[in-house]
Amino acid sequence: MLPLWMRYYGGQFGVENLYVVDDNSEDGSTDGLPCNVLHIPPIRGGKFESTRMKFLGGLAASLHTLYDCVVFADADEFVVPDPARHSGLRDFIARREDGREAVAALGLNVVHA
């Protein structure tokens, strides 16, 4: 999924603006990627998912000091705004005027039959 993720988000924002957080993969999937790869130490103690999200929330806040916005998505997640209203994710972000600091997506599992 990572090559598809990079093509989708890289096409929207440029691969130089992508950050892949590698939490101890051992399959070589993050080796040689043309984007930023952050290798983090193993998550110890606490509950894995809540600790992971707290870490990633802090990372997103830090990135937000460097960028106008931050989009968070796992490698198998693609945030797609309504194509009847927006030409893509970049257009959706640029045209937001509601003043909200954060926007969440509705998640759907799309499975090939």
PDB file of N, CA and C in Angstrom:
ATOM      1  N   MET A   1       0.813  -1.210   0.000  1.00  0.00           N
ATOM      2  CA  MET A   1       0.000   0.000   0.000  1.00  0.00           C
ATOM      3  C   MET A   1       0.854   1.271   0.000  1.00  0.00           C
ATOM      4  N   LEU A   2       2.061   1.175   0.527  1.00  0.00           N
ATOM      5  CA  LEU A   2       2.888   2.381   0.650  1.00  0.00           C
ATOM      6  C   LEU A   2       3.181   3.050  -0.696  1.00  0.00           C
ATOM      7  N   PRO A   3       3.494   2.310  -1.769  1.00  0.00           N
ATOM      8  CA  PRO A   3       3.685   2.992  -3.061  1.00  0.00           C
ATOM      9  C   PRO A   3       2.425   3.726  -3.543  1.00  0.00           C
ATOM     10  N   LEU A   4       1.242   3.143  -3.320  1.00  0.00           N
ATOM     11  CA  LEU A   4      -0.004   3.812  -3.692  1.00  0.00           C
ATOM     12  C   LEU A   4      -0.220   5.057  -2.847  1.00  0.00           C
ATOM     13  N   TRP A   5       0.056   4.945  -1.555  1.00  0.00           N
ATOM     14  CA  TRP A   5      -0.078   6.073  -0.616  1.00  0.00           C
ATOM     15  C   TRP A   5       0.829   7.224  -1.053  1.00  0.00           C
ATOM     16  N   MET A   6       2.069   6.890  -1.377  1.00  0.00           N
ATOM     17  CA  MET A   6       3.025   7.929  -1.791  1.00  0.00           C
ATOM     18  C   MET A   6       2.602   8.578  -3.103  1.00  0.00           C
ATOM     19  N   ARG A   7       2.105   7.789  -4.039  1.00  0.00           N
ATOM     20  CA  ARG A   7       1.675   8.344  -5.325  1.00  0.00           C
ATOM     21  C   ARG A   7       0.482   9.286  -5.121  1.00  0.00           C
ATOM     22  N   TYR A   8      -0.480   8.873  -4.286  1.00  0.00           N
ATOM     23  CA  TYR A   8      -1.665   9.694  -4.058  1.00  0.00           C
ATOM     24  C   TYR A   8      -1.307  10.999  -3.338  1.00  0.00           C
ATOM     25  N   TYR A   9      -0.702  10.886  -2.163  1.00  0.00           N
ATOM     26  CA  TYR A   9      -0.405  12.097  -1.386  1.00  0.00           C
ATOM     27  C   TYR A   9       0.742  12.896  -1.992  1.00  0.00           C
ATOM     28  N   GLY A  10       1.714  12.217  -2.590  1.00  0.00           N
ATOM     29  CA  GLY A  10       2.799  12.924  -3.277  1.00  0.00           C
ATOM     30  C   GLY A  10       2.281  13.726  -4.450  1.00  0.00           C
ATOM     31  N   GLY A  11       1.285  13.188  -5.153  1.00  0.00           N
ATOM     32  CA  GLY A  11       0.666  13.909  -6.259  1.00  0.00           C
ATOM     33  C   GLY A  11      -0.097  15.139  -5.795  1.00  0.00           C
ATOM     34  N   GLN A  12      -0.606  15.089  -4.580  1.00  0.00           N
ATOM     35  CA  GLN A  12      -1.357  16.213  -4.023  1.00  0.00           C
ATOM     36  C   GLN A  12      -0.432  17.296  -3.447  1.00  0.00           C
ATOM     37  N   PHE A  13       0.643  16.846  -2.762  1.00  0.00           N
ATOM     38  CA  PHE A  13       1.450  17.786  -1.980  1.00  0.00           C
ATOM     39  C   PHE A  13       2.941  17.761  -2.292  1.00  0.00           C
ATOM     40  N   GLY A  14       3.389  16.826  -3.132  1.00  0.00           N
ATOM     41  CA  GLY A  14       4.817  16.672  -3.412  1.00  0.00           C
ATOM     42  C   GLY A  14       5.449  15.699  -2.427  1.00  0.00           C
ATOM     43  N   VAL A  15       6.212  14.728  -2.934  1.00  0.00           N
ATOM     44  CA  VAL A  15       6.805  13.722  -2.050  1.00  0.00           C
ATOM     45  C   VAL A  15       7.754  14.327  -1.035  1.00  0.00           C
ATOM     46  N   GLU A  16       8.348  15.472  -1.353  1.00  0.00           N
ATOM     47  CA  GLU A  16       9.266  16.110  -0.403  1.00  0.00           C
ATOM     48  C   GLU A  16       8.550  16.592   0.854  1.00  0.00           C
ATOM     49  N   ASN A  17       7.221  16.658   0.810  1.00  0.00           N
ATOM     50  CA  ASN A  17       6.435  17.090   1.972  1.00  0.00           C
ATOM     51  C   ASN A  17       5.782  15.928   2.714  1.00  0.00           C
ATOM     52  N   LEU A  18       6.086  14.697   2.327  1.00  0.00           N
ATOM     53  CA  LEU A  18       5.522  13.526   2.985  1.00  0.00           C
ATOM     54  C   LEU A  18       6.459  13.020   4.065  1.00  0.00           C
ATOM     55  N   TYR A  19       5.865  12.541   5.150  1.00  0.00           N
ATOM     56  CA  TYR A  19       6.617  11.938   6.250  1.00  0.00           C
ATOM     57  C   TYR A  19       6.026  10.560   6.523  1.00  0.00           C
ATOM     58  N   VAL A  20       6.845   9.555   6.415  1.00  0.00           N
ATOM     59  CA  VAL A  20       6.443   8.203   6.759  1.00  0.00           C
ATOM     60  C   VAL A  20       7.037   7.895   8.120  1.00  0.00           C
ATOM     61  N   VAL A  21       6.195   7.517   9.056  1.00  0.00           N
ATOM     62  CA  VAL A  21       6.651   7.143  10.392  1.00  0.00           C
ATOM     63  C   VAL A  21       6.744   5.626  10.423  1.00  0.00           C
ATOM     64  N   ASP A  22       7.954   5.133  10.506  1.00  0.00           N
ATOM     65  CA  ASP A  22       8.208   3.689  10.514  1.00  0.00           C
ATOM     66  C   ASP A  22       8.358   3.246  11.960  1.00  0.00           C
ATOM     67  N   ASP A  23       7.347   2.524  12.450  1.00  0.00           N
ATOM     68  CA  ASP A  23       7.420   2.044  13.825  1.00  0.00           C
ATOM     69  C   ASP A  23       7.893   0.592  13.846  1.00  0.00           C
ATOM     70  N   ASN A  24       9.151   0.441  13.426  1.00  0.00           N
ATOM     71  CA  ASN A  24       9.885  -0.823  13.533  1.00  0.00           C
ATOM     72  C   ASN A  24       9.502  -1.883  12.513  1.00  0.00           C
ATOM     73  N   SER A  25       9.227  -1.468  11.278  1.00  0.00           N
ATOM     74  CA  SER A  25       8.994  -2.474  10.247  1.00  0.00           C
ATOM     75  C   SER A  25      10.304  -3.206   9.979  1.00  0.00           C
ATOM     76  N   GLU A  26      10.196  -4.442   9.580  1.00  0.00           N
ATOM     77  CA  GLU A  26      11.388  -5.246   9.304  1.00  0.00           C
ATOM     78  C   GLU A  26      11.379  -5.810   7.887  1.00  0.00           C
ATOM     79  N   ASP A  27      10.435  -5.346   7.062  1.00  0.00           N
ATOM     80  CA  ASP A  27      10.295  -5.907   5.724  1.00  0.00           C
ATOM     81  C   ASP A  27      10.972  -5.081   4.635  1.00  0.00           C
ATOM     82  N   GLY A  28      11.657  -3.990   5.021  1.00  0.00           N
ATOM     83  CA  GLY A  28      12.345  -3.149   4.047  1.00  0.00           C
ATOM     84  C   GLY A  28      11.429  -2.209   3.288  1.00  0.00           C
ATOM     85  N   SER A  29      10.163  -2.122   3.684  1.00  0.00           N
ATOM     86  CA  SER A  29       9.194  -1.313   2.945  1.00  0.00           C
ATOM     87  C   SER A  29       9.489   0.184   2.974  1.00  0.00           C
ATOM     88  N   THR A  30      10.263   0.650   3.942  1.00  0.00           N
ATOM     89  CA  THR A  30      10.572   2.081   4.003  1.00  0.00           C
ATOM     90  C   THR A  30      11.990   2.397   3.529  1.00  0.00           C
ATOM     91  N   ASP A  31      12.721   1.387   3.098  1.00  0.00           N
ATOM     92  CA  ASP A  31      14.083   1.606   2.607  1.00  0.00           C
ATOM     93  C   ASP A  31      14.046   2.321   1.262  1.00  0.00           C
ATOM     94  N   GLY A  32      14.834   3.371   1.128  1.00  0.00           N
ATOM     95  CA  GLY A  32      14.987   4.052  -0.150  1.00  0.00           C
ATOM     96  C   GLY A  32      13.793   4.845  -0.628  1.00  0.00           C
ATOM     97  N   LEU A  33      12.860   5.174   0.248  1.00  0.00           N
ATOM     98  CA  LEU A  33      11.714   5.979  -0.168  1.00  0.00           C
ATOM     99  C   LEU A  33      12.177   7.407  -0.488  1.00  0.00           C
ATOM    100  N   PRO A  34      11.553   8.065  -1.479  1.00  0.00           N
ATOM    101  CA  PRO A  34      11.961   9.417  -1.851  1.00  0.00           C
ATOM    102  C   PRO A  34      11.384  10.513  -0.947  1.00  0.00           C
ATOM    103  N   CYS A  35      10.740  10.113   0.150  1.00  0.00           N
ATOM    104  CA  CYS A  35      10.159  11.082   1.079  1.00  0.00           C
ATOM    105  C   CYS A  35      10.918  11.019   2.404  1.00  0.00           C
ATOM    106  N   ASN A  36      10.478  11.807   3.358  1.00  0.00           N
ATOM    107  CA  ASN A  36      11.057  11.787   4.695  1.00  0.00           C
ATOM    108  C   ASN A  36      10.597  10.536   5.429  1.00  0.00           C
ATOM    109  N   VAL A  37      11.524   9.793   6.011  1.00  0.00           N
ATOM    110  CA  VAL A  37      11.181   8.600   6.785  1.00  0.00           C
ATOM    111  C   VAL A  37      11.715   8.788   8.197  1.00  0.00           C
ATOM    112  N   LEU A  38      10.825   8.697   9.174  1.00  0.00           N
ATOM    113  CA  LEU A  38      11.184   8.823  10.570  1.00  0.00           C
ATOM    114  C   LEU A  38      11.096   7.449  11.215  1.00  0.00           C
ATOM    115  N   HIS A  39      12.216   6.929  11.657  1.00  0.00           N
ATOM    116  CA  HIS A  39      12.242   5.634  12.346  1.00  0.00           C
ATOM    117  C   HIS A  39      12.117   5.907  13.840  1.00  0.00           C
ATOM    118  N   ILE A  40      11.085   5.374  14.444  1.00  0.00           N
ATOM    119  CA  ILE A  40      10.871   5.629  15.867  1.00  0.00           C
ATOM    120  C   ILE A  40      11.194   4.367  16.665  1.00  0.00           C
ATOM    121  N   PRO A  41      11.555   4.539  17.928  1.00  0.00           N
ATOM    122  CA  PRO A  41      11.846   3.368  18.756  1.00  0.00           C
ATOM    123  C   PRO A  41      10.575   2.591  19.055  1.00  0.00           C
ATOM    124  N   PRO A  42      10.736   1.341  19.482  1.00  0.00           N
ATOM    125  CA  PRO A  42       9.551   0.546  19.833  1.00  0.00           C
ATOM    126  C   PRO A  42       8.741   1.224  20.934  1.00  0.00           C
ATOM    127  N   ILE A  43       7.435   1.086  20.843  1.00  0.00           N
ATOM    128  CA  ILE A  43       6.550   1.642  21.866  1.00  0.00           C
ATOM    129  C   ILE A  43       6.508   0.659  23.018  1.00  0.00           C
ATOM    130  N   ARG A  44       6.952   1.131  24.170  1.00  0.00           N
ATOM    131  CA  ARG A  44       7.004   0.270  25.367  1.00  0.00           C
ATOM    132  C   ARG A  44       6.088   0.842  26.440  1.00  0.00           C
ATOM    133  N   GLY A  45       5.473  -0.016  27.158  1.00  0.00           N
ATOM    134  CA  GLY A  45       4.623   0.420  28.260  1.00  0.00           C
ATOM    135  C   GLY A  45       3.330   1.047  27.752  1.00  0.00           C
ATOM    136  N   GLY A  46       2.361   1.116  28.607  1.00  0.00           N
ATOM    137  CA  GLY A  46       1.083   1.714  28.244  1.00  0.00           C
ATOM    138  C   GLY A  46       0.359   0.886  27.203  1.00  0.00           C
ATOM    139  N   LYS A  47      -0.648   1.465  26.664  1.00  0.00           N
ATOM    140  CA  LYS A  47      -1.418   0.808  25.627  1.00  0.00           C
ATOM    141  C   LYS A  47      -0.866   1.240  24.278  1.00  0.00           C
ATOM    142  N   PHE A  48      -0.604   0.289  23.401  1.00  0.00           N
ATOM    143  CA  PHE A  48       0.065   0.572  22.141  1.00  0.00           C
ATOM    144  C   PHE A  48      -0.627   1.682  21.352  1.00  0.00           C
ATOM    145  N   GLU A  49      -1.912   1.535  21.066  1.00  0.00           N
ATOM    146  CA  GLU A  49      -2.584   2.485  20.180  1.00  0.00           C
ATOM    147  C   GLU A  49      -2.690   3.877  20.797  1.00  0.00           C
ATOM    148  N   SER A  50      -3.023   3.974  22.077  1.00  0.00           N
ATOM    149  CA  SER A  50      -3.133   5.305  22.684  1.00  0.00           C
ATOM    150  C   SER A  50      -1.762   5.967  22.789  1.00  0.00           C
ATOM    151  N   THR A  51      -0.715   5.192  23.073  1.00  0.00           N
ATOM    152  CA  THR A  51       0.638   5.749  23.120  1.00  0.00           C
ATOM    153  C   THR A  51       1.077   6.191  21.731  1.00  0.00           C
ATOM    154  N   ARG A  52       0.792   5.370  20.732  1.00  0.00           N
ATOM    155  CA  ARG A  52       1.131   5.705  19.338  1.00  0.00           C
ATOM    156  C   ARG A  52       0.441   6.989  18.906  1.00  0.00           C
ATOM    157  N   MET A  53      -0.855   7.108  19.199  1.00  0.00           N
ATOM    158  CA  MET A  53      -1.598   8.297  18.783  1.00  0.00           C
ATOM    159  C   MET A  53      -1.127   9.540  19.523  1.00  0.00           C
ATOM    160  N   LYS A  54      -0.767   9.408  20.784  1.00  0.00           N
ATOM    161  CA  LYS A  54      -0.238  10.555  21.523  1.00  0.00           C
ATOM    162  C   LYS A  54       1.073  11.020  20.897  1.00  0.00           C
ATOM    163  N   PHE A  55       1.955  10.080  20.548  1.00  0.00           N
ATOM    164  CA  PHE A  55       3.211  10.418  19.889  1.00  0.00           C
ATOM    165  C   PHE A  55       2.952  11.098  18.548  1.00  0.00           C
ATOM    166  N   LEU A  56       2.078  10.501  17.734  1.00  0.00           N
ATOM    167  CA  LEU A  56       1.803  11.059  16.416  1.00  0.00           C
ATOM    168  C   LEU A  56       1.104  12.413  16.503  1.00  0.00           C
ATOM    169  N   GLY A  57       0.278  12.613  17.517  1.00  0.00           N
ATOM    170  CA  GLY A  57      -0.338  13.919  17.718  1.00  0.00           C
ATOM    171  C   GLY A  57       0.704  14.987  18.012  1.00  0.00           C
ATOM    172  N   GLY A  58       1.700  14.626  18.836  1.00  0.00           N
ATOM    173  CA  GLY A  58       2.796  15.556  19.115  1.00  0.00           C
ATOM    174  C   GLY A  58       3.618  15.832  17.874  1.00  0.00           C
ATOM    175  N   LEU A  59       3.859  14.806  17.080  1.00  0.00           N
ATOM    176  CA  LEU A  59       4.599  14.988  15.834  1.00  0.00           C
ATOM    177  C   LEU A  59       3.823  15.893  14.879  1.00  0.00           C
ATOM    178  N   ALA A  60       2.521  15.666  14.761  1.00  0.00           N
ATOM    179  CA  ALA A  60       1.687  16.501  13.892  1.00  0.00           C
ATOM    180  C   ALA A  60       1.710  17.954  14.351  1.00  0.00           C
ATOM    181  N   ALA A  61       1.644  18.175  15.662  1.00  0.00           N
ATOM    182  CA  ALA A  61       1.705  19.547  16.187  1.00  0.00           C
ATOM    183  C   ALA A  61       3.045  20.186  15.848  1.00  0.00           C
ATOM    184  N   SER A  62       4.123  19.424  15.938  1.00  0.00           N
ATOM    185  CA  SER A  62       5.445  19.947  15.591  1.00  0.00           C
ATOM    186  C   SER A  62       5.534  20.268  14.105  1.00  0.00           C
ATOM    187  N   LEU A  63       5.021  19.371  13.269  1.00  0.00           N
ATOM    188  CA  LEU A  63       5.035  19.633  11.829  1.00  0.00           C
ATOM    189  C   LEU A  63       4.187  20.849  11.472  1.00  0.00           C
ATOM    190  N   HIS A  64       3.137  21.063  12.238  1.00  0.00           N
ATOM    191  CA  HIS A  64       2.256  22.208  11.972  1.00  0.00           C
ATOM    192  C   HIS A  64       2.960  23.540  12.218  1.00  0.00           C
ATOM    193  N   THR A  65       4.061  23.536  12.968  1.00  0.00           N
ATOM    194  CA  THR A  65       4.841  24.770  13.122  1.00  0.00           C
ATOM    195  C   THR A  65       5.633  25.073  11.858  1.00  0.00           C
ATOM    196  N   LEU A  66       5.831  24.068  11.005  1.00  0.00           N
ATOM    197  CA  LEU A  66       6.586  24.241   9.761  1.00  0.00           C
ATOM    198  C   LEU A  66       5.701  24.330   8.530  1.00  0.00           C
ATOM    199  N   TYR A  67       4.514  23.762   8.600  1.00  0.00           N
ATOM    200  CA  TYR A  67       3.595  23.699   7.467  1.00  0.00           C
ATOM    201  C   TYR A  67       2.275  24.370   7.812  1.00  0.00           C
ATOM    202  N   ASP A  68       1.537  24.790   6.784  1.00  0.00           N
ATOM    203  CA  ASP A  68       0.229  25.405   6.984  1.00  0.00           C
ATOM    204  C   ASP A  68      -0.806  24.403   7.488  1.00  0.00           C
ATOM    205  N   CYS A  69      -0.663  23.152   7.098  1.00  0.00           N
ATOM    206  CA  CYS A  69      -1.588  22.130   7.564  1.00  0.00           C
ATOM    207  C   CYS A  69      -0.872  20.790   7.581  1.00  0.00           C
ATOM    208  N   VAL A  70      -1.462  19.838   8.301  1.00  0.00           N
ATOM    209  CA  VAL A  70      -0.928  18.481   8.402  1.00  0.00           C
ATOM    210  C   VAL A  70      -2.085  17.521   8.161  1.00  0.00           C
ATOM    211  N   VAL A  71      -1.862  16.556   7.275  1.00  0.00           N
ATOM    212  CA  VAL A  71      -2.845  15.509   7.012  1.00  0.00           C
ATOM    213  C   VAL A  71      -2.261  14.214   7.556  1.00  0.00           C
ATOM    214  N   PHE A  72      -3.012  13.536   8.391  1.00  0.00           N
ATOM    215  CA  PHE A  72      -2.556  12.265   8.965  1.00  0.00           C
ATOM    216  C   PHE A  72      -3.346  11.130   8.346  1.00  0.00           C
ATOM    217  N   ALA A  73      -2.639  10.134   7.829  1.00  0.00           N
ATOM    218  CA  ALA A  73      -3.305   8.949   7.276  1.00  0.00           C
ATOM    219  C   ALA A  73      -2.343   7.775   7.335  1.00  0.00           C
ATOM    220  N   ASP A  74      -2.846   6.626   7.769  1.00  0.00           N
ATOM    221  CA  ASP A  74      -2.049   5.406   7.715  1.00  0.00           C
ATOM    222  C   ASP A  74      -1.766   5.064   6.255  1.00  0.00           C
ATOM    223  N   ALA A  75      -0.828   4.159   6.037  1.00  0.00           N
ATOM    224  CA  ALA A  75      -0.428   3.799   4.671  1.00  0.00           C
ATOM    225  C   ALA A  75      -1.561   3.167   3.866  1.00  0.00           C
ATOM    226  N   ASP A  76      -2.585   2.675   4.532  1.00  0.00           N
ATOM    227  CA  ASP A  76      -3.718   2.093   3.803  1.00  0.00           C
ATOM    228  C   ASP A  76      -4.946   2.992   3.835  1.00  0.00           C
ATOM    229  N   GLU A  77      -4.740   4.282   4.107  1.00  0.00           N
ATOM    230  CA  GLU A  77      -5.850   5.234   4.188  1.00  0.00           C
ATOM    231  C   GLU A  77      -5.661   6.353   3.163  1.00  0.00           C
ATOM    232  N   PHE A  78      -6.739   6.646   2.450  1.00  0.00           N
ATOM    233  CA  PHE A  78      -6.723   7.697   1.443  1.00  0.00           C
ATOM    234  C   PHE A  78      -7.879   8.649   1.734  1.00  0.00           C
ATOM    235  N   VAL A  79      -7.563   9.885   2.084  1.00  0.00           N
ATOM    236  CA  VAL A  79      -8.572  10.889   2.381  1.00  0.00           C
ATOM    237  C   VAL A  79      -8.967  11.532   1.054  1.00  0.00           C
ATOM    238  N   VAL A  80     -10.234  11.333   0.672  1.00  0.00           N
ATOM    239  CA  VAL A  80     -10.715  11.821  -0.618  1.00  0.00           C
ATOM    240  C   VAL A  80     -11.932  12.715  -0.378  1.00  0.00           C
ATOM    241  N   PRO A  81     -11.799  14.014  -0.637  1.00  0.00           N
ATOM    242  CA  PRO A  81     -12.963  14.888  -0.482  1.00  0.00           C
ATOM    243  C   PRO A  81     -13.987  14.632  -1.594  1.00  0.00           C
ATOM    244  N   ASP A  82     -15.187  15.085  -1.384  1.00  0.00           N
ATOM    245  CA  ASP A  82     -16.273  14.905  -2.343  1.00  0.00           C
ATOM    246  C   ASP A  82     -15.842  15.419  -3.718  1.00  0.00           C
ATOM    247  N   PRO A  83     -15.705  14.531  -4.713  1.00  0.00           N
ATOM    248  CA  PRO A  83     -15.244  14.967  -6.031  1.00  0.00           C
ATOM    249  C   PRO A  83     -16.237  15.881  -6.755  1.00  0.00           C
ATOM    250  N   ALA A  84     -17.473  15.923  -6.305  1.00  0.00           N
ATOM    251  CA  ALA A  84     -18.445  16.844  -6.900  1.00  0.00           C
ATOM    252  C   ALA A  84     -18.208  18.278  -6.426  1.00  0.00           C
ATOM    253  N   ARG A  85     -17.462  18.418  -5.330  1.00  0.00           N
ATOM    254  CA  ARG A  85     -17.235  19.759  -4.762  1.00  0.00           C
ATOM    255  C   ARG A  85     -15.776  20.199  -4.798  1.00  0.00           C
ATOM    256  N   HIS A  86     -14.841  19.246  -4.916  1.00  0.00           N
ATOM    257  CA  HIS A  86     -13.419  19.579  -4.833  1.00  0.00           C
ATOM    258  C   HIS A  86     -12.624  18.780  -5.859  1.00  0.00           C
ATOM    259  N   SER A  87     -11.602  19.412  -6.411  1.00  0.00           N
ATOM    260  CA  SER A  87     -10.764  18.726  -7.396  1.00  0.00           C
ATOM    261  C   SER A  87      -9.749  17.797  -6.741  1.00  0.00           C
ATOM    262  N   GLY A  88      -9.622  17.861  -5.436  1.00  0.00           N
ATOM    263  CA  GLY A  88      -8.709  16.996  -4.704  1.00  0.00           C
ATOM    264  C   GLY A  88      -8.551  17.476  -3.272  1.00  0.00           C
ATOM    265  N   LEU A  89      -7.706  16.815  -2.545  1.00  0.00           N
ATOM    266  CA  LEU A  89      -7.493  17.137  -1.131  1.00  0.00           C
ATOM    267  C   LEU A  89      -6.865  18.520  -0.963  1.00  0.00           C
ATOM    268  N   ARG A  90      -5.930  18.834  -1.818  1.00  0.00           N
ATOM    269  CA  ARG A  90      -5.292  20.161  -1.750  1.00  0.00           C
ATOM    270  C   ARG A  90      -6.329  21.269  -1.949  1.00  0.00           C
ATOM    271  N   ASP A  91      -7.252  21.088  -2.903  1.00  0.00           N
ATOM    272  CA  ASP A  91      -8.311  22.058  -3.154  1.00  0.00           C
ATOM    273  C   ASP A  91      -9.234  22.170  -1.939  1.00  0.00           C
ATOM    274  N   PHE A  92      -9.583  21.033  -1.337  1.00  0.00           N
ATOM    275  CA  PHE A  92     -10.429  21.037  -0.144  1.00  0.00           C
ATOM    276  C   PHE A  92      -9.791  21.864   0.968  1.00  0.00           C
ATOM    277  N   ILE A  93      -8.509  21.642   1.207  1.00  0.00           N
ATOM    278  CA  ILE A  93      -7.797  22.366   2.270  1.00  0.00           C
ATOM    279  C   ILE A  93      -7.724  23.851   1.956  1.00  0.00           C
ATOM    280  N   ALA A  94      -7.407  24.187   0.725  1.00  0.00           N
ATOM    281  CA  ALA A  94      -7.258  25.594   0.338  1.00  0.00           C
ATOM    282  C   ALA A  94      -8.568  26.366   0.455  1.00  0.00           C
ATOM    283  N   ARG A  95      -9.695  25.698   0.233  1.00  0.00           N
ATOM    284  CA  ARG A  95     -10.980  26.400   0.222  1.00  0.00           C
ATOM    285  C   ARG A  95     -11.713  26.354   1.556  1.00  0.00           C
ATOM    286  N   ARG A  96     -11.110  25.774   2.574  1.00  0.00           N
ATOM    287  CA  ARG A  96     -11.774  25.728   3.884  1.00  0.00           C
ATOM    288  C   ARG A  96     -11.862  27.133   4.460  1.00  0.00           C
ATOM    289  N   GLU A  97     -13.049  27.505   4.849  1.00  0.00           N
ATOM    290  CA  GLU A  97     -13.257  28.834   5.434  1.00  0.00           C
ATOM    291  C   GLU A  97     -14.027  28.771   6.745  1.00  0.00           C
ATOM    292  N   ASP A  98     -14.171  27.570   7.290  1.00  0.00           N
ATOM    293  CA  ASP A  98     -15.007  27.428   8.480  1.00  0.00           C
ATOM    294  C   ASP A  98     -14.276  27.761   9.770  1.00  0.00           C
ATOM    295  N   GLY A  99     -12.961  27.964   9.709  1.00  0.00           N
ATOM    296  CA  GLY A  99     -12.206  28.341  10.883  1.00  0.00           C
ATOM    297  C   GLY A  99     -11.874  27.201  11.828  1.00  0.00           C
ATOM    298  N   ARG A 100     -12.352  26.003  11.541  1.00  0.00           N
ATOM    299  CA  ARG A 100     -12.044  24.880  12.425  1.00  0.00           C
ATOM    300  C   ARG A 100     -10.560  24.535  12.330  1.00  0.00           C
ATOM    301  N   GLU A 101      -9.987  24.180  13.463  1.00  0.00           N
ATOM    302  CA  GLU A 101      -8.574  23.830  13.515  1.00  0.00           C
ATOM    303  C   GLU A 101      -8.313  22.421  13.008  1.00  0.00           C
ATOM    304  N   ALA A 102      -9.305  21.554  13.140  1.00  0.00           N
ATOM    305  CA  ALA A 102      -9.137  20.165  12.715  1.00  0.00           C
ATOM    306  C   ALA A 102     -10.402  19.682  12.007  1.00  0.00           C
ATOM    307  N   VAL A 103     -10.209  18.784  11.058  1.00  0.00           N
ATOM    308  CA  VAL A 103     -11.311  18.185  10.321  1.00  0.00           C
ATOM    309  C   VAL A 103     -11.059  16.677  10.312  1.00  0.00           C
ATOM    310  N   ALA A 104     -12.085  15.899  10.539  1.00  0.00           N
ATOM    311  CA  ALA A 104     -11.966  14.444  10.511  1.00  0.00           C
ATOM    312  C   ALA A 104     -12.685  13.889   9.290  1.00  0.00           C
ATOM    313  N   ALA A 105     -12.204  12.769   8.829  1.00  0.00           N
ATOM    314  CA  ALA A 105     -12.807  12.106   7.665  1.00  0.00           C
ATOM    315  C   ALA A 105     -13.680  10.947   8.113  1.00  0.00           C
ATOM    316  N   LEU A 106     -14.674  10.643   7.312  1.00  0.00           N
ATOM    317  CA  LEU A 106     -15.478   9.447   7.531  1.00  0.00           C
ATOM    318  C   LEU A 106     -14.729   8.289   6.899  1.00  0.00           C
ATOM    319  N   GLY A 107     -14.470   7.256   7.684  1.00  0.00           N
ATOM    320  CA  GLY A 107     -13.705   6.126   7.177  1.00  0.00           C
ATOM    321  C   GLY A 107     -14.594   5.027   6.626  1.00  0.00           C
ATOM    322  N   LEU A 108     -14.266   4.587   5.406  1.00  0.00           N
ATOM    323  CA  LEU A 108     -14.976   3.493   4.780  1.00  0.00           C
ATOM    324  C   LEU A 108     -13.950   2.453   4.339  1.00  0.00           C
ATOM    325  N   ASN A 109     -14.253   1.198   4.556  1.00  0.00           N
ATOM    326  CA  ASN A 109     -13.403   0.122   4.051  1.00  0.00           C
ATOM    327  C   ASN A 109     -13.913  -0.260   2.674  1.00  0.00           C
ATOM    328  N   VAL A 110     -13.069  -0.076   1.678  1.00  0.00           N
ATOM    329  CA  VAL A 110     -13.421  -0.447   0.315  1.00  0.00           C
ATOM    330  C   VAL A 110     -12.647  -1.714  -0.001  1.00  0.00           C
ATOM    331  N   VAL A 111     -13.367  -2.778  -0.297  1.00  0.00           N
ATOM    332  CA  VAL A 111     -12.740  -4.077  -0.519  1.00  0.00           C
ATOM    333  C   VAL A 111     -13.087  -4.541  -1.929  1.00  0.00           C
ATOM    334  N   HIS A 112     -12.074  -4.954  -2.667  1.00  0.00           N
ATOM    335  CA  HIS A 112     -12.292  -5.489  -4.011  1.00  0.00           C
ATOM    336  C   HIS A 112     -12.941  -6.865  -3.914  1.00  0.00           C
ATOM    337  N   ALA A 113     -14.031  -7.043  -4.619  1.00  0.00           N
ATOM    338  CA  ALA A 113     -14.731  -8.334  -4.589  1.00  0.00           C
ATOM    339  C   ALA A 113     -14.214  -9.223  -5.708  1.00  0.00           C
TER     340      ALA A 113
END
